[in-house]
Amino acid sequence: MPADIVSTSVRSRMMAAVKGKNTKPELAIRSALHGRGFRFRLHRKDLPGRPDLVFTCRNAVIFVHGCFWHGHDCHLFRWPKSRQDFWREKIGSNIERDRHQCEALAEAGWRIGIVWECALKGKTRLPFDSVVDQCAMWLKSDIKTLEVSGDKTRATV
C-alpha cells in the first residue's frame, strides 16, 4: 500500500475542511429553487439526516448528495486505493445511515428528493435548468420520491 504523500496532521486538516453543508451544488439548487418562488428551511436538526432543504408546507425534503461520500454508483465515485478497509467501512456506513434516515422520514410522512452531484457536474451532468425543473415539478406534485442523477431520474408515487 503506498504511503500518504502528506503528513498525518496535514491530511487531518484537509479532511476537516471538507464541508457537509452549504456545498456549491447545494447552494446552486437552493438559489435556483428560491428564485422560482419556493421557500424552505435549511438543515433542520429535528429531522433525521438534517435534510439540506425542508419544504414544510409541501411535506418534502431535498438532499443534495456528493457522489463520493454517499457511495453513488456513477463515474464520479471511485474506491480509494489507500486504506481500503477504512473507506469501505466509512462509505458503507454512510450508505446505511442514508437508508435508515430516508426510512424514518418516509414513516413520518415526508416526501424525499435526492439530487446527486453527478447530475450537476461531470461527463453525465444534466442541464442545470432541467435538474431544477425536475425538482420544481416534483415539489408541486404528490409523488413520494425523486432521485436525480446524471444517468437517470426516478420518481416513485
Protein backbone atom coordinates (compact mmCIF):
# COMPACT_ATOMS: atom_id res chain seq x y z
CA MET A 1 0.00 0.00 0.00
CA PRO A 2 1.52 3.38 -0.97
CA ALA A 3 2.29 5.82 1.81
CA ASP A 4 0.33 9.04 2.02
CA ILE A 5 2.18 11.92 0.36
CA VAL A 6 1.28 14.37 3.15
CA SER A 7 1.77 14.17 6.91
CA THR A 8 -0.99 12.95 9.23
CA SER A 9 -1.62 16.45 10.57
CA VAL A 10 -1.90 17.93 7.07
CA ARG A 11 -4.25 15.13 5.95
CA SER A 12 -6.36 15.67 9.08
CA ARG A 13 -6.61 19.40 8.34
CA MET A 14 -7.53 18.68 4.71
CA MET A 15 -10.28 16.24 5.68
CA ALA A 16 -11.61 18.61 8.35
CA ALA A 17 -12.06 21.24 5.63
CA VAL A 18 -14.48 19.05 3.66
CA LYS A 19 -17.88 20.64 4.10
CA GLY A 20 -21.02 18.71 4.94
CA LYS A 21 -23.44 21.53 4.26
CA ASN A 22 -23.59 24.68 2.17
CA THR A 23 -21.66 22.98 -0.64
CA LYS A 24 -21.55 24.54 -4.12
CA PRO A 25 -24.11 22.09 -5.58
CA GLU A 26 -26.43 22.66 -2.62
CA LEU A 27 -26.12 26.45 -2.88
CA ALA A 28 -26.88 26.33 -6.61
CA ILE A 29 -30.04 24.24 -6.10
CA ARG A 30 -31.15 26.44 -3.19
CA SER A 31 -30.67 29.65 -5.14
CA ALA A 32 -32.50 28.35 -8.22
CA LEU A 33 -35.49 27.00 -6.26
CA HIS A 34 -35.72 30.18 -4.21
CA GLY A 35 -35.68 32.18 -7.45
CA ARG A 36 -38.67 30.15 -8.61
CA GLY A 37 -40.63 31.11 -5.52
CA PHE A 38 -40.05 28.07 -3.30
CA ARG A 39 -39.47 28.83 0.37
CA PHE A 40 -37.72 26.37 2.65
CA ARG A 41 -35.78 25.83 5.85
CA LEU A 42 -32.20 24.61 5.95
CA HIS A 43 -30.68 21.63 7.78
CA ARG A 44 -33.46 21.13 10.33
CA LYS A 45 -31.85 19.38 13.26
CA ASP A 46 -35.12 17.83 14.42
CA LEU A 47 -35.42 15.73 11.24
CA PRO A 48 -33.46 12.53 10.53
CA GLY A 49 -30.43 13.26 8.38
CA ARG A 50 -30.78 17.05 8.70
CA PRO A 51 -32.08 17.47 5.13
CA ASP A 52 -30.42 20.18 3.07
CA LEU A 53 -33.76 21.75 2.12
CA VAL A 54 -37.03 21.33 4.04
CA PHE A 55 -40.28 22.42 2.40
CA THR A 56 -42.60 22.19 5.40
CA CYS A 57 -45.80 23.29 3.64
CA ARG A 58 -45.16 20.72 0.87
CA ASN A 59 -44.13 18.00 3.35
CA ALA A 60 -40.97 17.45 1.28
CA VAL A 61 -37.22 17.40 1.82
CA ILE A 62 -34.34 17.50 -0.64
CA PHE A 63 -30.87 16.13 -0.05
CA VAL A 64 -28.03 17.23 -2.35
CA HIS A 65 -25.61 14.30 -2.10
CA GLY A 66 -21.96 14.17 -3.06
CA CYS A 67 -21.33 11.02 -5.08
CA PHE A 68 -18.12 10.07 -3.26
CA TRP A 69 -19.29 10.48 0.33
CA HIS A 70 -22.62 8.73 -0.28
CA GLY A 71 -21.24 5.91 -2.44
CA HIS A 72 -23.22 6.64 -5.60
CA ASP A 73 -22.74 4.18 -8.44
CA CYS A 74 -21.56 6.68 -11.06
CA HIS A 75 -18.41 7.87 -12.82
CA LEU A 76 -17.62 10.35 -10.02
CA PHE A 77 -17.27 7.59 -7.42
CA ARG A 78 -14.08 5.55 -7.16
CA TRP A 79 -12.94 3.47 -4.22
CA PRO A 80 -9.73 4.97 -2.81
CA LYS A 81 -6.59 2.93 -3.41
CA SER A 82 -5.17 3.51 0.08
CA ARG A 83 -6.75 2.46 3.39
CA GLN A 84 -9.37 0.44 1.52
CA ASP A 85 -10.83 -1.20 4.64
CA PHE A 86 -11.33 2.18 6.30
CA TRP A 87 -13.03 3.70 3.26
CA ARG A 88 -15.27 0.68 2.64
CA GLU A 89 -16.46 0.84 6.24
CA LYS A 90 -16.84 4.65 6.19
CA ILE A 91 -18.75 4.89 2.92
CA GLY A 92 -20.72 1.72 3.68
CA SER A 93 -21.88 3.20 6.98
CA ASN A 94 -22.82 6.45 5.19
CA ILE A 95 -24.97 4.48 2.73
CA GLU A 96 -26.63 2.54 5.55
CA ARG A 97 -27.24 5.73 7.55
CA ASP A 98 -28.80 7.41 4.48
CA ARG A 99 -31.13 4.44 4.06
CA HIS A 100 -32.24 4.49 7.71
CA GLN A 101 -32.77 8.26 7.65
CA CYS A 102 -34.88 8.08 4.49
CA GLU A 103 -36.96 5.28 6.00
CA ALA A 104 -37.54 7.37 9.14
CA LEU A 105 -38.52 10.42 7.10
CA ALA A 106 -40.90 8.36 4.93
CA GLU A 107 -42.50 6.80 8.01
CA ALA A 108 -43.05 10.31 9.38
CA GLY A 109 -44.88 11.22 6.14
CA TRP A 110 -42.16 13.24 4.40
CA ARG A 111 -41.61 13.11 0.65
CA ILE A 112 -37.91 12.66 -0.16
CA GLY A 113 -35.89 14.05 -3.04
CA ILE A 114 -32.22 13.36 -3.71
CA VAL A 115 -30.13 15.31 -6.20
CA TRP A 116 -26.80 13.61 -6.87
CA GLU A 117 -23.64 15.58 -7.59
CA CYS A 118 -23.24 13.78 -10.96
CA ALA A 119 -26.46 15.44 -12.16
CA LEU A 120 -24.72 18.79 -11.76
CA LYS A 121 -21.14 18.08 -12.83
CA GLY A 122 -19.02 15.60 -14.71
CA LYS A 123 -19.48 13.89 -18.04
CA THR A 124 -23.08 12.81 -17.37
CA ARG A 125 -24.31 16.14 -15.99
CA LEU A 126 -27.74 17.33 -16.98
CA PRO A 127 -28.57 20.90 -17.98
CA PHE A 128 -28.89 22.77 -14.69
CA ASP A 129 -32.33 24.17 -15.57
CA SER A 130 -33.50 20.62 -16.26
CA VAL A 131 -32.46 19.49 -12.78
CA VAL A 132 -34.20 22.47 -11.19
CA ASP A 133 -37.31 21.89 -13.37
CA GLN A 134 -37.49 18.29 -12.18
CA CYS A 135 -37.21 19.37 -8.54
CA ALA A 136 -39.85 22.09 -9.02
CA MET A 137 -42.29 19.73 -10.75
CA TRP A 138 -41.75 17.14 -8.03
CA LEU A 139 -42.33 19.70 -5.27
CA LYS A 140 -45.65 20.71 -6.87
CA SER A 141 -46.77 17.08 -7.18
CA ASP A 142 -47.82 14.37 -4.74
CA ILE A 143 -45.07 12.00 -5.88
CA LYS A 144 -43.36 10.40 -2.87
CA THR A 145 -39.74 10.25 -4.00
CA LEU A 146 -37.45 11.83 -6.54
CA GLU A 147 -33.89 10.86 -7.43
CA VAL A 148 -31.98 12.91 -9.98
CA SER A 149 -28.58 11.69 -11.15
CA GLY A 150 -26.51 12.18 -14.27
CA ASP A 151 -27.64 8.97 -15.90
CA LYS A 152 -31.24 8.69 -14.74
CA THR A 153 -34.13 10.32 -12.96
CA ARG A 154 -36.52 8.24 -10.89
CA ALA A 155 -39.78 9.27 -9.30
CA THR A 156 -41.93 6.97 -7.18
CA VAL A 157 -45.60 7.52 -6.48
